[in-house]
Amino acid sequence: MSKLTRPYFFLLFMILITSGCATKTNNYNYAAFEKSKPTSIVIIPPKNNSIEVNAPYIYLSTLTRPLAEKGYYVFPVFVIDYFLKENGLPTPAEMNGIPLDKIGEHIGADAVLYITIEEWGQKYQVIQSVTKVRATLKLVDVKTGRLLWNSTAVAKESSGDGSGGLVGMLISAAVDQVVDSTISNPTLRLARQANYLAIGNQSRGMLDGPYKSSTDTLGLNP
């Protein structure tokens, strides 16, 4: 090997080592998930730590599709909600306290997805508005109680990047506030985006389920 090429081989060697270490560090530990091999998931209506009272059921409506596309049977979320309410659990906070053996006995799911909404909605600042959705997700084996997977679903957007000067940013924030209150709420779209990013993440997303189709395009159309 010539003296000229030797440094390039050394550089390539260091890049490969660094890349390998980074991948190993970022990978999620799926040992419990692989051992459990769940095929069906029941979603318990989310706990809500935000100030938006409607957040749990808006967020609940965004979870079935990404989980189904990932290859799992998902129990109909609003059927489960109705069933739990009819059986003496009127609020998400109470629903989250159901013993796992009761979930297994009366619903028959392999795993249960628990959610806590930490942030939800818009904050209007002096020169811009910021909308953010943040929720923690925890998948638990119904039979053993073992944690199979957890993640944080996060998405946010700002009313502008500062272009157009101070007057332009003030107008943009004001328009966003009017549009949000009269036409649509961006939190629904951001919740979908956050879920696809968390569940479909390449390094620590949820593993593919048994019904995963090769034609699914998870994350392309949140």
N, C-alpha and C. Protein backbone atom coordinates (compact mmCIF):
# COMPACT_ATOMS: atom_id res chain seq x y z
N MET A 1 0.85 -1.19 0.00
CA MET A 1 0.00 0.00 0.00
C MET A 1 0.88 1.24 0.00
N SER A 2 0.60 2.18 -0.88
CA SER A 2 1.44 3.37 -1.00
C SER A 2 1.18 4.33 0.16
N LYS A 3 2.13 5.21 0.40
CA LYS A 3 1.97 6.20 1.45
C LYS A 3 0.82 7.14 1.14
N LEU A 4 0.51 7.32 -0.16
CA LEU A 4 -0.54 8.24 -0.56
C LEU A 4 -1.93 7.72 -0.20
N THR A 5 -2.14 6.40 -0.39
CA THR A 5 -3.48 5.84 -0.14
C THR A 5 -3.69 5.45 1.31
N ARG A 6 -2.62 5.28 2.08
CA ARG A 6 -2.75 4.82 3.45
C ARG A 6 -3.64 5.72 4.31
N PRO A 7 -3.52 7.06 4.25
CA PRO A 7 -4.39 7.92 5.06
C PRO A 7 -5.87 7.76 4.72
N TYR A 8 -6.17 7.50 3.43
CA TYR A 8 -7.57 7.37 3.02
C TYR A 8 -8.19 6.09 3.58
N PHE A 9 -7.41 5.01 3.62
CA PHE A 9 -7.90 3.77 4.20
C PHE A 9 -8.14 3.94 5.70
N PHE A 10 -7.25 4.68 6.34
CA PHE A 10 -7.40 4.93 7.78
C PHE A 10 -8.65 5.75 8.05
N LEU A 11 -8.90 6.78 7.19
CA LEU A 11 -10.08 7.63 7.35
C LEU A 11 -11.35 6.81 7.17
N LEU A 12 -11.38 5.94 6.14
CA LEU A 12 -12.54 5.10 5.89
C LEU A 12 -12.80 4.17 7.06
N PHE A 13 -11.72 3.61 7.63
CA PHE A 13 -11.83 2.70 8.77
C PHE A 13 -12.46 3.41 9.97
N MET A 14 -12.04 4.65 10.22
CA MET A 14 -12.56 5.40 11.36
C MET A 14 -14.03 5.76 11.16
N ILE A 15 -14.42 6.06 9.91
CA ILE A 15 -15.82 6.38 9.62
C ILE A 15 -16.71 5.18 9.88
N LEU A 16 -16.24 3.99 9.44
CA LEU A 16 -17.02 2.77 9.64
C LEU A 16 -17.20 2.45 11.12
N ILE A 17 -16.13 2.61 11.90
CA ILE A 17 -16.19 2.35 13.34
C ILE A 17 -17.15 3.32 14.01
N THR A 18 -17.04 4.60 13.66
CA THR A 18 -17.89 5.62 14.26
C THR A 18 -19.35 5.37 13.92
N SER A 19 -19.63 5.03 12.65
CA SER A 19 -21.01 4.77 12.23
C SER A 19 -21.59 3.57 12.96
N GLY A 20 -20.79 2.52 13.11
CA GLY A 20 -21.24 1.32 13.79
C GLY A 20 -21.57 1.59 15.24
N CYS A 21 -20.74 2.38 15.92
CA CYS A 21 -20.98 2.69 17.32
C CYS A 21 -22.24 3.53 17.49
N ALA A 22 -22.44 4.50 16.58
CA ALA A 22 -23.60 5.37 16.67
C ALA A 22 -24.87 4.57 16.50
N THR A 23 -24.87 3.65 15.56
CA THR A 23 -26.06 2.84 15.31
C THR A 23 -26.38 1.97 16.51
N LYS A 24 -25.36 1.39 17.10
CA LYS A 24 -25.56 0.51 18.25
C LYS A 24 -26.11 1.29 19.44
N THR A 25 -25.61 2.53 19.62
CA THR A 25 -26.04 3.34 20.74
C THR A 25 -27.49 3.77 20.59
N ASN A 26 -27.92 4.11 19.34
CA ASN A 26 -29.25 4.65 19.11
C ASN A 26 -30.34 3.58 19.04
N ASN A 27 -29.97 2.34 18.78
CA ASN A 27 -30.97 1.30 18.63
C ASN A 27 -31.71 1.05 19.94
N TYR A 28 -33.02 0.81 19.82
CA TYR A 28 -33.85 0.53 20.99
C TYR A 28 -33.74 -0.95 21.34
N ASN A 29 -33.87 -1.26 22.62
CA ASN A 29 -33.79 -2.65 23.06
C ASN A 29 -35.17 -3.31 22.90
N TYR A 30 -35.28 -4.17 21.91
CA TYR A 30 -36.57 -4.79 21.59
C TYR A 30 -36.70 -6.22 22.14
N ALA A 31 -35.87 -6.60 23.09
CA ALA A 31 -35.88 -7.99 23.57
C ALA A 31 -37.26 -8.40 24.10
N ALA A 32 -37.88 -7.56 24.94
CA ALA A 32 -39.19 -7.88 25.50
C ALA A 32 -40.26 -7.89 24.41
N PHE A 33 -40.14 -6.96 23.47
CA PHE A 33 -41.10 -6.87 22.37
C PHE A 33 -41.04 -8.14 21.51
N GLU A 34 -39.83 -8.55 21.16
CA GLU A 34 -39.65 -9.73 20.32
C GLU A 34 -40.11 -11.01 21.02
N LYS A 35 -39.96 -11.05 22.32
CA LYS A 35 -40.40 -12.23 23.07
C LYS A 35 -41.93 -12.28 23.17
N SER A 36 -42.55 -11.13 23.34
CA SER A 36 -44.00 -11.06 23.50
C SER A 36 -44.74 -11.29 22.18
N LYS A 37 -44.25 -10.70 21.08
CA LYS A 37 -44.87 -10.80 19.75
C LYS A 37 -46.37 -10.51 19.78
N PRO A 38 -46.76 -9.32 20.22
CA PRO A 38 -48.19 -9.01 20.26
C PRO A 38 -48.79 -8.91 18.85
N THR A 39 -50.04 -9.31 18.73
CA THR A 39 -50.74 -9.19 17.45
C THR A 39 -51.89 -8.19 17.53
N SER A 40 -52.38 -7.92 18.74
CA SER A 40 -53.50 -6.99 18.89
C SER A 40 -53.21 -5.98 19.99
N ILE A 41 -53.71 -4.76 19.80
CA ILE A 41 -53.45 -3.66 20.73
C ILE A 41 -54.77 -2.97 21.08
N VAL A 42 -54.98 -2.74 22.36
CA VAL A 42 -56.09 -1.91 22.80
C VAL A 42 -55.52 -0.59 23.29
N ILE A 43 -56.12 0.51 22.86
CA ILE A 43 -55.65 1.84 23.24
C ILE A 43 -56.56 2.39 24.33
N ILE A 44 -55.98 2.70 25.47
CA ILE A 44 -56.75 3.31 26.55
C ILE A 44 -56.79 4.82 26.31
N PRO A 45 -57.96 5.46 26.39
CA PRO A 45 -58.02 6.92 26.20
C PRO A 45 -56.96 7.64 27.04
N PRO A 46 -56.29 8.62 26.44
CA PRO A 46 -55.13 9.25 27.08
C PRO A 46 -55.42 10.03 28.35
N LYS A 47 -54.46 9.98 29.26
CA LYS A 47 -54.44 10.93 30.36
C LYS A 47 -54.10 12.30 29.77
N ASN A 48 -54.53 13.34 30.44
CA ASN A 48 -54.34 14.68 29.89
C ASN A 48 -53.70 15.62 30.89
N ASN A 49 -52.46 16.00 30.61
CA ASN A 49 -51.77 16.98 31.44
C ASN A 49 -51.77 18.37 30.81
N SER A 50 -52.46 18.51 29.68
CA SER A 50 -52.55 19.81 29.02
C SER A 50 -53.78 20.56 29.53
N ILE A 51 -53.94 21.80 29.08
CA ILE A 51 -55.10 22.59 29.51
C ILE A 51 -56.27 22.45 28.55
N GLU A 52 -56.09 21.72 27.45
CA GLU A 52 -57.14 21.54 26.46
C GLU A 52 -57.98 20.31 26.83
N VAL A 53 -59.22 20.53 27.21
CA VAL A 53 -60.06 19.43 27.70
C VAL A 53 -60.43 18.43 26.61
N ASN A 54 -60.43 18.87 25.35
CA ASN A 54 -60.80 17.97 24.26
C ASN A 54 -59.62 17.18 23.69
N ALA A 55 -58.43 17.44 24.19
CA ALA A 55 -57.23 16.82 23.63
C ALA A 55 -57.26 15.29 23.63
N PRO A 56 -57.70 14.62 24.70
CA PRO A 56 -57.63 13.15 24.72
C PRO A 56 -58.38 12.49 23.56
N TYR A 57 -59.58 12.95 23.26
CA TYR A 57 -60.37 12.28 22.24
C TYR A 57 -59.99 12.71 20.82
N ILE A 58 -59.45 13.91 20.68
CA ILE A 58 -58.89 14.30 19.38
C ILE A 58 -57.67 13.44 19.10
N TYR A 59 -56.82 13.32 20.10
CA TYR A 59 -55.59 12.52 19.92
C TYR A 59 -55.92 11.05 19.70
N LEU A 60 -56.89 10.55 20.43
CA LEU A 60 -57.30 9.15 20.31
C LEU A 60 -57.67 8.80 18.88
N SER A 61 -58.28 9.75 18.16
CA SER A 61 -58.73 9.50 16.79
C SER A 61 -57.58 9.38 15.79
N THR A 62 -56.37 9.71 16.20
CA THR A 62 -55.24 9.72 15.27
C THR A 62 -54.33 8.49 15.38
N LEU A 63 -54.66 7.56 16.26
CA LEU A 63 -53.74 6.46 16.55
C LEU A 63 -54.00 5.17 15.79
N THR A 64 -55.24 4.90 15.43
CA THR A 64 -55.56 3.61 14.82
C THR A 64 -54.82 3.39 13.51
N ARG A 65 -54.80 4.37 12.65
CA ARG A 65 -54.21 4.19 11.32
C ARG A 65 -52.72 3.84 11.37
N PRO A 66 -51.87 4.62 12.07
CA PRO A 66 -50.45 4.25 12.08
C PRO A 66 -50.17 2.89 12.71
N LEU A 67 -50.95 2.50 13.71
CA LEU A 67 -50.75 1.19 14.33
C LEU A 67 -51.21 0.07 13.40
N ALA A 68 -52.32 0.29 12.71
CA ALA A 68 -52.82 -0.71 11.76
C ALA A 68 -51.85 -0.86 10.58
N GLU A 69 -51.32 0.24 10.10
CA GLU A 69 -50.36 0.18 9.00
C GLU A 69 -49.05 -0.47 9.43
N LYS A 70 -48.78 -0.43 10.72
CA LYS A 70 -47.59 -1.08 11.24
C LYS A 70 -47.79 -2.59 11.37
N GLY A 71 -49.04 -3.05 11.23
CA GLY A 71 -49.28 -4.49 11.18
C GLY A 71 -50.00 -5.08 12.37
N TYR A 72 -50.77 -4.26 13.11
CA TYR A 72 -51.46 -4.75 14.30
C TYR A 72 -52.97 -4.61 14.16
N TYR A 73 -53.68 -5.55 14.80
CA TYR A 73 -55.12 -5.36 14.93
C TYR A 73 -55.33 -4.40 16.09
N VAL A 74 -56.06 -3.32 15.82
CA VAL A 74 -56.33 -2.31 16.85
C VAL A 74 -57.82 -2.36 17.19
N PHE A 75 -58.12 -2.61 18.45
CA PHE A 75 -59.51 -2.62 18.88
C PHE A 75 -60.12 -1.23 18.63
N PRO A 76 -61.33 -1.17 18.09
CA PRO A 76 -61.96 0.13 17.78
C PRO A 76 -61.96 1.06 19.00
N VAL A 77 -61.31 2.19 18.86
CA VAL A 77 -61.04 3.04 20.02
C VAL A 77 -62.31 3.58 20.69
N PHE A 78 -63.29 3.96 19.90
CA PHE A 78 -64.48 4.55 20.51
C PHE A 78 -65.45 3.48 21.02
N VAL A 79 -65.37 2.28 20.47
CA VAL A 79 -66.12 1.15 21.03
C VAL A 79 -65.57 0.81 22.42
N ILE A 80 -64.24 0.78 22.52
CA ILE A 80 -63.60 0.52 23.83
C ILE A 80 -63.95 1.61 24.82
N ASP A 81 -63.92 2.86 24.38
CA ASP A 81 -64.26 3.98 25.25
C ASP A 81 -65.69 3.85 25.77
N TYR A 82 -66.62 3.52 24.88
CA TYR A 82 -68.02 3.35 25.27
C TYR A 82 -68.18 2.18 26.25
N PHE A 83 -67.49 1.08 25.94
CA PHE A 83 -67.55 -0.11 26.80
C PHE A 83 -67.07 0.21 28.22
N LEU A 84 -65.97 0.94 28.31
CA LEU A 84 -65.42 1.27 29.63
C LEU A 84 -66.34 2.21 30.40
N LYS A 85 -66.92 3.18 29.70
CA LYS A 85 -67.84 4.11 30.36
C LYS A 85 -69.09 3.39 30.87
N GLU A 86 -69.57 2.46 30.06
CA GLU A 86 -70.75 1.70 30.46
C GLU A 86 -70.48 0.78 31.65
N ASN A 87 -69.21 0.52 31.91
CA ASN A 87 -68.84 -0.35 33.02
C ASN A 87 -68.24 0.43 34.19
N GLY A 88 -68.68 1.68 34.33
CA GLY A 88 -68.37 2.45 35.52
C GLY A 88 -67.06 3.21 35.52
N LEU A 89 -66.49 3.45 34.33
CA LEU A 89 -65.24 4.22 34.25
C LEU A 89 -65.46 5.41 33.32
N PRO A 90 -65.98 6.52 33.83
CA PRO A 90 -66.39 7.63 32.98
C PRO A 90 -65.28 8.52 32.44
N THR A 91 -64.09 8.47 33.02
CA THR A 91 -63.02 9.38 32.59
C THR A 91 -61.76 8.61 32.19
N PRO A 92 -60.93 9.21 31.30
CA PRO A 92 -59.67 8.56 30.94
C PRO A 92 -58.78 8.26 32.14
N ALA A 93 -58.79 9.14 33.13
CA ALA A 93 -57.96 8.92 34.32
C ALA A 93 -58.34 7.62 35.01
N GLU A 94 -59.65 7.34 35.11
CA GLU A 94 -60.11 6.10 35.74
C GLU A 94 -59.84 4.89 34.84
N MET A 95 -59.98 5.08 33.54
CA MET A 95 -59.75 4.00 32.59
C MET A 95 -58.30 3.51 32.64
N ASN A 96 -57.39 4.42 32.90
CA ASN A 96 -55.97 4.05 32.94
C ASN A 96 -55.60 3.25 34.17
N GLY A 97 -56.53 3.10 35.10
CA GLY A 97 -56.26 2.32 36.29
C GLY A 97 -56.80 0.90 36.24
N ILE A 98 -57.30 0.47 35.09
CA ILE A 98 -57.85 -0.89 34.97
C ILE A 98 -56.72 -1.92 35.14
N PRO A 99 -56.89 -2.93 35.97
CA PRO A 99 -55.88 -3.98 36.09
C PRO A 99 -55.71 -4.73 34.76
N LEU A 100 -54.49 -5.13 34.48
CA LEU A 100 -54.21 -5.81 33.22
C LEU A 100 -54.97 -7.11 33.07
N ASP A 101 -55.18 -7.82 34.18
CA ASP A 101 -55.90 -9.09 34.07
C ASP A 101 -57.35 -8.88 33.63
N LYS A 102 -57.94 -7.73 34.00
CA LYS A 102 -59.30 -7.41 33.56
C LYS A 102 -59.33 -7.06 32.07
N ILE A 103 -58.28 -6.39 31.61
CA ILE A 103 -58.19 -6.09 30.18
C ILE A 103 -58.09 -7.39 29.39
N GLY A 104 -57.28 -8.32 29.87
CA GLY A 104 -57.13 -9.60 29.19
C GLY A 104 -58.41 -10.41 29.22
N GLU A 105 -59.11 -10.37 30.34
CA GLU A 105 -60.33 -11.17 30.49
C GLU A 105 -61.49 -10.63 29.66
N HIS A 106 -61.69 -9.31 29.68
CA HIS A 106 -62.88 -8.74 29.06
C HIS A 106 -62.66 -8.19 27.65
N ILE A 107 -61.41 -7.88 27.30
CA ILE A 107 -61.15 -7.33 25.97
C ILE A 107 -60.34 -8.31 25.12
N GLY A 108 -59.39 -9.00 25.73
CA GLY A 108 -58.64 -10.03 25.01
C GLY A 108 -57.48 -9.53 24.18
N ALA A 109 -56.99 -8.33 24.46
CA ALA A 109 -55.86 -7.78 23.71
C ALA A 109 -54.54 -8.38 24.19
N ASP A 110 -53.55 -8.44 23.29
CA ASP A 110 -52.21 -8.90 23.67
C ASP A 110 -51.43 -7.81 24.38
N ALA A 111 -51.64 -6.55 23.95
CA ALA A 111 -50.89 -5.43 24.53
C ALA A 111 -51.82 -4.23 24.67
N VAL A 112 -51.48 -3.37 25.61
CA VAL A 112 -52.27 -2.15 25.84
C VAL A 112 -51.36 -0.95 25.66
N LEU A 113 -51.86 0.07 24.96
CA LEU A 113 -51.10 1.30 24.74
C LEU A 113 -51.62 2.37 25.68
N TYR A 114 -50.74 2.83 26.57
CA TYR A 114 -51.07 3.92 27.48
C TYR A 114 -50.46 5.22 26.94
N ILE A 115 -51.20 6.32 27.08
CA ILE A 115 -50.75 7.59 26.55
C ILE A 115 -50.96 8.69 27.59
N THR A 116 -50.01 9.60 27.67
CA THR A 116 -50.17 10.81 28.48
C THR A 116 -49.87 12.01 27.60
N ILE A 117 -50.85 12.89 27.45
CA ILE A 117 -50.64 14.12 26.68
C ILE A 117 -50.00 15.16 27.59
N GLU A 118 -48.83 15.62 27.18
CA GLU A 118 -48.08 16.59 27.98
C GLU A 118 -48.30 18.03 27.50
N GLU A 119 -48.38 18.22 26.20
CA GLU A 119 -48.58 19.55 25.63
C GLU A 119 -49.56 19.44 24.46
N TRP A 120 -50.41 20.47 24.33
CA TRP A 120 -51.39 20.43 23.26
C TRP A 120 -51.91 21.84 22.96
N GLY A 121 -51.76 22.28 21.73
CA GLY A 121 -52.39 23.52 21.32
C GLY A 121 -51.42 24.64 20.98
N GLN A 122 -52.01 25.80 20.76
CA GLN A 122 -51.26 26.97 20.33
C GLN A 122 -50.94 27.90 21.48
N LYS A 123 -49.77 28.54 21.35
CA LYS A 123 -49.39 29.60 22.27
C LYS A 123 -49.12 30.83 21.41
N TYR A 124 -49.81 31.92 21.72
CA TYR A 124 -49.66 33.14 20.94
C TYR A 124 -48.65 34.05 21.62
N GLN A 125 -47.53 34.27 20.92
CA GLN A 125 -46.48 35.12 21.44
C GLN A 125 -46.59 36.49 20.76
N VAL A 126 -45.67 37.37 21.05
CA VAL A 126 -45.78 38.74 20.55
C VAL A 126 -45.75 38.78 19.03
N ILE A 127 -44.82 38.05 18.41
CA ILE A 127 -44.66 38.15 16.97
C ILE A 127 -44.89 36.83 16.23
N GLN A 128 -45.37 35.82 16.91
CA GLN A 128 -45.66 34.56 16.23
C GLN A 128 -46.53 33.66 17.10
N SER A 129 -47.10 32.66 16.47
CA SER A 129 -47.83 31.64 17.23
C SER A 129 -47.11 30.31 17.05
N VAL A 130 -47.08 29.51 18.11
CA VAL A 130 -46.43 28.21 18.07
C VAL A 130 -47.43 27.16 18.50
N THR A 131 -47.60 26.14 17.65
CA THR A 131 -48.50 25.04 17.96
C THR A 131 -47.66 23.80 18.23
N LYS A 132 -47.96 23.10 19.33
CA LYS A 132 -47.16 21.94 19.69
C LYS A 132 -48.04 20.83 20.23
N VAL A 133 -47.69 19.61 19.85
CA VAL A 133 -48.30 18.41 20.40
C VAL A 133 -47.18 17.52 20.94
N ARG A 134 -47.30 17.10 22.19
CA ARG A 134 -46.30 16.20 22.77
C ARG A 134 -47.02 15.20 23.68
N ALA A 135 -46.78 13.92 23.42
CA ALA A 135 -47.42 12.87 24.21
C ALA A 135 -46.45 11.71 24.42
N THR A 136 -46.51 11.09 25.58
CA THR A 136 -45.69 9.90 25.84
C THR A 136 -46.52 8.66 25.57
N LEU A 137 -45.90 7.68 24.92
CA LEU A 137 -46.56 6.43 24.55
C LEU A 137 -45.87 5.27 25.25
N LYS A 138 -46.67 4.35 25.78
CA LYS A 138 -46.11 3.20 26.49
C LYS A 138 -46.92 1.95 26.15
N LEU A 139 -46.26 0.96 25.53
CA LEU A 139 -46.91 -0.30 25.16
C LEU A 139 -46.54 -1.37 26.18
N VAL A 140 -47.56 -2.00 26.76
CA VAL A 140 -47.34 -2.96 27.85
C VAL A 140 -47.98 -4.30 27.50
N ASP A 141 -47.27 -5.38 27.82
CA ASP A 141 -47.80 -6.73 27.62
C ASP A 141 -48.92 -6.98 28.63
N VAL A 142 -50.09 -7.38 28.15
CA VAL A 142 -51.24 -7.58 29.03
C VAL A 142 -51.02 -8.75 30.00
N LYS A 143 -50.40 -9.82 29.54
CA LYS A 143 -50.23 -11.01 30.38
C LYS A 143 -49.14 -10.85 31.43
N THR A 144 -48.03 -10.22 31.06
CA THR A 144 -46.88 -10.14 31.98
C THR A 144 -46.70 -8.79 32.64
N GLY A 145 -47.28 -7.74 32.06
CA GLY A 145 -47.08 -6.40 32.60
C GLY A 145 -45.75 -5.79 32.21
N ARG A 146 -45.00 -6.46 31.35
CA ARG A 146 -43.69 -5.94 30.94
C ARG A 146 -43.83 -4.82 29.93
N LEU A 147 -42.95 -3.82 30.06
CA LEU A 147 -42.90 -2.74 29.09
C LEU A 147 -42.30 -3.27 27.79
N LEU A 148 -43.04 -3.16 26.71
CA LEU A 148 -42.55 -3.64 25.42
C LEU A 148 -41.89 -2.53 24.60
N TRP A 149 -42.43 -1.32 24.73
CA TRP A 149 -41.93 -0.21 23.92
C TRP A 149 -42.44 1.09 24.49
N ASN A 150 -41.62 2.12 24.42
CA ASN A 150 -42.10 3.45 24.80
C ASN A 150 -41.43 4.51 23.94
N SER A 151 -42.10 5.63 23.80
CA SER A 151 -41.57 6.70 22.97
C SER A 151 -42.30 7.99 23.31
N THR A 152 -41.81 9.09 22.75
CA THR A 152 -42.48 10.38 22.87
C THR A 152 -42.85 10.88 21.48
N ALA A 153 -44.11 11.16 21.28
CA ALA A 153 -44.59 11.68 19.99
C ALA A 153 -44.61 13.21 20.08
N VAL A 154 -43.85 13.85 19.20
CA VAL A 154 -43.72 15.31 19.25
C VAL A 154 -43.81 15.89 17.85
N ALA A 155 -44.55 16.98 17.73
CA ALA A 155 -44.57 17.75 16.48
C ALA A 155 -44.95 19.18 16.82
N LYS A 156 -44.36 20.12 16.12
CA LYS A 156 -44.71 21.52 16.36
C LYS A 156 -44.48 22.33 15.09
N GLU A 157 -45.13 23.48 15.04
CA GLU A 157 -44.92 24.39 13.92
C GLU A 157 -45.11 25.82 14.40
N SER A 158 -44.45 26.74 13.69
CA SER A 158 -44.50 28.15 14.02
C SER A 158 -45.25 28.89 12.92
N SER A 159 -45.79 30.06 13.25
CA SER A 159 -46.54 30.84 12.28
C SER A 159 -45.65 31.42 11.19
N GLY A 160 -44.33 31.50 11.42
CA GLY A 160 -43.44 32.07 10.41
C GLY A 160 -42.01 31.98 10.83
N ASP A 161 -41.12 32.24 9.89
CA ASP A 161 -39.68 32.17 10.17
C ASP A 161 -39.04 33.53 10.33
N GLY A 162 -39.88 34.56 10.44
CA GLY A 162 -39.32 35.89 10.64
C GLY A 162 -39.21 36.71 9.38
N SER A 163 -39.48 36.12 8.21
CA SER A 163 -39.39 36.87 6.96
C SER A 163 -40.54 37.86 6.88
N GLY A 164 -40.29 39.01 6.28
CA GLY A 164 -41.32 40.02 6.14
C GLY A 164 -41.27 41.08 7.21
N GLY A 165 -40.33 40.96 8.14
CA GLY A 165 -40.18 41.98 9.15
C GLY A 165 -41.18 41.86 10.28
N LEU A 166 -41.10 42.79 11.22
CA LEU A 166 -41.93 42.76 12.41
C LEU A 166 -43.41 42.86 12.08
N VAL A 167 -43.78 43.78 11.18
CA VAL A 167 -45.19 43.96 10.82
C VAL A 167 -45.75 42.69 10.20
N GLY A 168 -44.98 42.08 9.29
CA GLY A 168 -45.42 40.85 8.65
C GLY A 168 -45.63 39.72 9.64
N MET A 169 -44.73 39.61 10.63
CA MET A 169 -44.86 38.55 11.64
C MET A 169 -46.06 38.79 12.54
N LEU A 170 -46.35 40.05 12.88
CA LEU A 170 -47.52 40.37 13.69
C LEU A 170 -48.80 40.01 12.96
N ILE A 171 -48.86 40.34 11.67
CA ILE A 171 -50.04 40.02 10.86
C ILE A 171 -50.22 38.51 10.76
N SER A 172 -49.10 37.79 10.55
CA SER A 172 -49.15 36.33 10.42
C SER A 172 -49.69 35.69 11.70
N ALA A 173 -49.22 36.14 12.85
CA ALA A 173 -49.68 35.58 14.11
C ALA A 173 -51.16 35.88 14.33
N ALA A 174 -51.59 37.10 13.97
CA ALA A 174 -53.00 37.47 14.14
C ALA A 174 -53.90 36.64 13.24
N VAL A 175 -53.46 36.44 11.98
CA VAL A 175 -54.24 35.64 11.04
C VAL A 175 -54.34 34.20 11.53
N ASP A 176 -53.24 33.64 12.02
CA ASP A 176 -53.25 32.27 12.55
C ASP A 176 -54.25 32.12 13.68
N GLN A 177 -54.33 33.13 14.55
CA GLN A 177 -55.24 33.05 15.68
C GLN A 177 -56.69 33.06 15.21
N VAL A 178 -57.01 33.92 14.22
CA VAL A 178 -58.37 33.99 13.68
C VAL A 178 -58.73 32.69 12.97
N VAL A 179 -57.82 32.18 12.13
CA VAL A 179 -58.07 30.95 11.38
C VAL A 179 -58.27 29.78 12.32
N ASP A 180 -57.43 29.71 13.36
CA ASP A 180 -57.53 28.60 14.32
C ASP A 180 -58.86 28.60 15.05
N SER A 181 -59.36 29.78 15.39
CA SER A 181 -60.57 29.86 16.19
C SER A 181 -61.84 29.74 15.35
N THR A 182 -61.74 29.92 14.03
CA THR A 182 -62.95 29.93 13.21
C THR A 182 -63.02 28.83 12.17
N ILE A 183 -61.89 28.29 11.73
CA ILE A 183 -61.90 27.34 10.62
C ILE A 183 -61.38 25.97 11.00
N SER A 184 -60.13 25.90 11.42
CA SER A 184 -59.53 24.59 11.69
C SER A 184 -58.50 24.69 12.79
N ASN A 185 -58.20 23.54 13.38
CA ASN A 185 -57.21 23.48 14.44
C ASN A 185 -56.04 22.62 13.97
N PRO A 186 -54.83 23.18 13.90
CA PRO A 186 -53.69 22.42 13.39
C PRO A 186 -53.23 21.29 14.29
N THR A 187 -53.72 21.22 15.51
CA THR A 187 -53.26 20.17 16.43
C THR A 187 -53.62 18.77 15.93
N LEU A 188 -54.73 18.62 15.24
CA LEU A 188 -55.11 17.31 14.70
C LEU A 188 -54.08 16.83 13.69
N ARG A 189 -53.68 17.70 12.78
CA ARG A 189 -52.67 17.35 11.79
C ARG A 189 -51.32 17.07 12.44
N LEU A 190 -50.96 17.89 13.43
CA LEU A 190 -49.69 17.68 14.12
C LEU A 190 -49.69 16.40 14.93
N ALA A 191 -50.84 16.04 15.50
CA ALA A 191 -50.93 14.79 16.26
C ALA A 191 -50.69 13.60 15.33
N ARG A 192 -51.28 13.63 14.14
CA ARG A 192 -51.05 12.55 13.17
C ARG A 192 -49.56 12.47 12.81
N GLN A 193 -48.98 13.63 12.56
CA GLN A 193 -47.56 13.67 12.20
C GLN A 193 -46.68 13.13 13.33
N ALA A 194 -46.99 13.53 14.56
CA ALA A 194 -46.20 13.08 15.72
C ALA A 194 -46.27 11.57 15.88
N ASN A 195 -47.46 10.99 15.67
CA ASN A 195 -47.62 9.55 15.80
C ASN A 195 -46.85 8.78 14.74
N TYR A 196 -46.90 9.24 13.51
CA TYR A 196 -46.17 8.57 12.45
C TYR A 196 -44.67 8.64 12.70
N LEU A 197 -44.20 9.77 13.20
CA LEU A 197 -42.77 9.91 13.47
C LEU A 197 -42.33 8.98 14.61
N ALA A 198 -43.16 8.85 15.64
CA ALA A 198 -42.80 8.02 16.80
C ALA A 198 -42.92 6.53 16.47
N ILE A 199 -44.05 6.13 15.91
CA ILE A 199 -44.31 4.71 15.66
C ILE A 199 -43.47 4.18 14.51
N GLY A 200 -43.23 5.00 13.51
CA GLY A 200 -42.47 4.55 12.35
C GLY A 200 -40.99 4.88 12.37
N ASN A 201 -40.50 5.41 13.49
CA ASN A 201 -39.08 5.79 13.59
C ASN A 201 -38.17 4.61 13.30
N GLN A 202 -37.14 4.83 12.47
CA GLN A 202 -36.27 3.74 12.05
C GLN A 202 -35.41 3.19 13.17
N SER A 203 -34.99 4.02 14.11
CA SER A 203 -34.06 3.56 15.15
C SER A 203 -34.75 3.09 16.42
N ARG A 204 -35.96 3.65 16.72
CA ARG A 204 -36.62 3.22 17.96
C ARG A 204 -38.14 3.24 17.83
N GLY A 205 -38.65 3.05 16.64
CA GLY A 205 -40.09 2.96 16.45
C GLY A 205 -40.62 1.59 16.84
N MET A 206 -41.91 1.40 16.68
CA MET A 206 -42.53 0.12 17.01
C MET A 206 -42.15 -0.93 15.96
N LEU A 207 -41.93 -2.17 16.39
CA LEU A 207 -41.63 -3.24 15.45
C LEU A 207 -42.85 -3.56 14.60
N ASP A 208 -42.61 -4.10 13.40
CA ASP A 208 -43.71 -4.49 12.53
C ASP A 208 -44.51 -5.61 13.16
N GLY A 209 -45.83 -5.53 13.02
CA GLY A 209 -46.71 -6.56 13.52
C GLY A 209 -46.95 -7.64 12.48
N PRO A 210 -47.72 -8.69 12.83
CA PRO A 210 -47.91 -9.84 11.93
C PRO A 210 -48.74 -9.52 10.70
N TYR A 211 -49.49 -8.42 10.71
CA TYR A 211 -50.34 -8.09 9.57
C TYR A 211 -49.76 -6.98 8.70
N LYS A 212 -48.48 -6.73 8.89
CA LYS A 212 -47.81 -5.70 8.11
C LYS A 212 -47.78 -6.08 6.64
N SER A 213 -48.21 -5.16 5.79
CA SER A 213 -48.21 -5.39 4.35
C SER A 213 -47.02 -4.72 3.71
N SER A 214 -46.45 -5.35 2.70
CA SER A 214 -45.29 -4.80 2.00
C SER A 214 -45.66 -3.56 1.22
N THR A 215 -46.95 -3.32 1.02
CA THR A 215 -47.39 -2.15 0.25
C THR A 215 -47.69 -0.96 1.13
N ASP A 216 -47.65 -1.16 2.45
CA ASP A 216 -47.90 -0.03 3.36
C ASP A 216 -46.80 1.00 3.24
N THR A 217 -47.17 2.27 3.34
CA THR A 217 -46.21 3.36 3.25
C THR A 217 -46.30 4.20 4.49
N LEU A 218 -45.97 3.64 5.63
CA LEU A 218 -46.09 4.31 6.91
C LEU A 218 -45.29 5.61 6.94
N GLY A 219 -45.96 6.68 7.26
CA GLY A 219 -45.28 7.95 7.42
C GLY A 219 -45.30 8.82 6.20
N LEU A 220 -45.71 8.28 5.02
CA LEU A 220 -45.70 9.09 3.82
C LEU A 220 -46.94 9.97 3.73
N ASN A 221 -48.04 9.52 4.33
CA ASN A 221 -49.29 10.29 4.26
C ASN A 221 -49.96 10.40 5.63
N PRO A 222 -49.31 11.08 6.57
CA PRO A 222 -49.83 11.15 7.94
C PRO A 222 -51.15 11.90 8.02
